[in-house]
């Protein structure tokens, strides 16, 4: 891969990482907020109404799940940036073949070619 190509992916990964860091901070705030009470935006005047608490709990569980996904994606971006630094970016970690540029354009943080990714998913 050319230096210009690597720099393009590096810039994409840095931009994605920055965006994800902001999203992680926002989702983290949602995931860690207290449930119940007026801060939750419930519709009833009773702060511990079971339906309101259930809704708050569901929203928090969803936020925690999103937070885990965002953190995992951020970790993959950081790992891809390390691979750019050590010269292994664009090479499948499973089979050692070059990852297609189309795949890298779609998923710049990937460490597997399409075939190996399919095998690992199944």
Protein backbone atom coordinates (compact mmCIF):
# COMPACT_ATOMS: atom_id res chain seq x y z
CA UNK A 1 0.00 0.00 0.00
CA UNK A 2 1.25 3.48 -0.83
CA UNK A 3 2.09 6.12 1.77
CA UNK A 4 -0.76 8.26 0.43
CA UNK A 5 -3.18 5.35 0.84
CA UNK A 6 -2.02 4.71 4.40
CA UNK A 7 -2.33 8.39 5.23
CA UNK A 8 -5.90 8.43 3.87
CA UNK A 9 -6.86 5.51 6.11
CA UNK A 10 -5.01 7.04 9.06
CA UNK A 11 -7.02 10.26 8.68
CA UNK A 12 -10.28 8.31 8.38
CA UNK A 13 -9.47 6.29 11.48
CA UNK A 14 -8.49 9.39 13.46
CA UNK A 15 -11.75 11.11 12.49
CA UNK A 16 -13.79 8.03 13.37
CA UNK A 17 -11.95 7.66 16.68
CA UNK A 18 -12.63 11.29 17.57
CA UNK A 19 -16.31 10.93 16.76
CA UNK A 20 -16.55 7.71 18.75
CA UNK A 21 -14.87 9.28 21.78
CA UNK A 22 -17.52 12.00 21.77
CA UNK A 23 -20.30 9.46 21.41
CA UNK A 24 -18.85 7.29 24.17
CA UNK A 25 -18.83 10.28 26.52
CA UNK A 26 -22.46 11.09 25.70
CA UNK A 27 -23.68 7.49 25.93
CA UNK A 28 -21.67 6.98 29.12
CA UNK A 29 -23.56 9.88 30.70
CA UNK A 30 -26.89 8.30 29.70
CA UNK A 31 -25.85 4.84 30.87
CA UNK A 32 -24.69 6.00 34.28
CA UNK A 33 -27.48 8.43 35.16
CA UNK A 34 -29.76 7.70 38.08
CA UNK A 35 -33.15 6.14 37.42
CA UNK A 36 -36.48 7.35 38.77
CA UNK A 37 -37.49 10.77 39.97
CA UNK A 38 -38.11 13.95 38.03
CA UNK A 39 -34.78 13.84 36.18
CA UNK A 40 -35.96 10.79 34.28
CA UNK A 41 -38.72 12.67 32.48
CA UNK A 42 -41.45 10.32 33.68
CA UNK A 43 -45.06 11.07 32.92
CA UNK A 44 -46.55 10.38 36.34
CA UNK A 45 -46.15 12.50 39.44
CA UNK A 46 -45.04 9.46 41.40
CA UNK A 47 -41.24 9.20 41.00
CA UNK A 48 -41.19 5.46 41.66
CA UNK A 49 -44.03 4.40 39.40
CA UNK A 50 -43.20 0.84 38.25
CA UNK A 51 -43.79 1.60 34.57
CA UNK A 52 -41.51 4.64 34.73
CA UNK A 53 -38.81 2.67 36.51
CA UNK A 54 -39.09 -0.13 33.94
CA UNK A 55 -38.72 2.38 31.12
CA UNK A 56 -35.70 3.96 32.81
CA UNK A 57 -34.12 0.55 33.34
CA UNK A 58 -34.71 -0.41 29.70
CA UNK A 59 -33.20 2.86 28.48
CA UNK A 60 -30.18 2.39 30.72
CA UNK A 61 -29.63 -1.18 29.53
CA UNK A 62 -29.83 0.02 25.93
CA UNK A 63 -27.34 2.80 26.67
CA UNK A 64 -24.94 0.35 28.34
CA UNK A 65 -25.16 -1.95 25.33
CA UNK A 66 -24.48 0.96 22.96
CA UNK A 67 -21.57 2.04 25.15
CA UNK A 68 -20.02 -1.43 24.96
CA UNK A 69 -20.39 -1.45 21.16
CA UNK A 70 -18.89 2.04 20.80
CA UNK A 71 -15.96 1.17 23.06
CA UNK A 72 -15.30 -2.01 21.09
CA UNK A 73 -15.34 -0.09 17.80
CA UNK A 74 -13.04 2.54 19.28
CA UNK A 75 -10.64 -0.22 20.34
CA UNK A 76 -10.66 -1.60 16.79
CA UNK A 77 -9.82 1.86 15.42
CA UNK A 78 -6.92 2.23 17.85
CA UNK A 79 -5.65 -1.23 16.87
CA UNK A 80 -5.88 -0.29 13.17
CA UNK A 81 -3.88 2.87 13.82
CA UNK A 82 -1.23 0.72 15.53
CA UNK A 83 -1.15 -1.56 12.50
CA UNK A 84 -0.55 1.47 10.29
CA UNK A 85 2.35 2.37 12.56
CA UNK A 86 3.91 -1.08 12.54
CA UNK A 87 3.36 -1.67 8.82
CA UNK A 88 0.84 -4.50 9.06
CA UNK A 89 -2.25 -2.46 8.11
CA UNK A 90 -4.11 -3.91 5.13
CA UNK A 91 -2.83 -7.43 5.70
CA UNK A 92 -5.28 -10.07 6.95
CA UNK A 93 -4.26 -11.25 10.41
CA UNK A 94 -5.67 -14.70 9.68
CA UNK A 95 -4.37 -15.67 6.22
CA UNK A 96 -1.73 -13.00 5.58
CA UNK A 97 -3.22 -11.87 2.26
CA UNK A 98 -3.87 -8.25 1.36
CA UNK A 99 -7.30 -6.97 2.37
CA UNK A 100 -9.20 -5.60 -0.64
CA UNK A 101 -9.23 -1.81 -0.84
CA UNK A 102 -13.02 -1.90 -1.20
CA UNK A 103 -13.27 -3.63 2.19
CA UNK A 104 -10.85 -1.18 3.80
CA UNK A 105 -12.83 1.72 2.37
CA UNK A 106 -16.02 0.33 3.90
CA UNK A 107 -14.49 -0.90 7.17
CA UNK A 108 -11.12 0.83 7.66
CA UNK A 109 -10.56 -0.73 11.09
CA UNK A 110 -10.90 -4.33 9.87
CA UNK A 111 -8.05 -6.74 10.40
CA UNK A 112 -9.48 -9.58 8.28
CA UNK A 113 -10.20 -10.11 4.60
CA UNK A 114 -13.78 -10.90 3.62
CA UNK A 115 -13.24 -14.66 3.44
CA UNK A 116 -11.54 -14.92 6.82
CA UNK A 117 -14.12 -12.61 8.43
CA UNK A 118 -16.91 -14.88 7.17
CA UNK A 119 -15.16 -17.96 8.52
CA UNK A 120 -14.57 -16.34 11.91
CA UNK A 121 -18.19 -15.21 12.19
CA UNK A 122 -19.57 -18.70 11.60
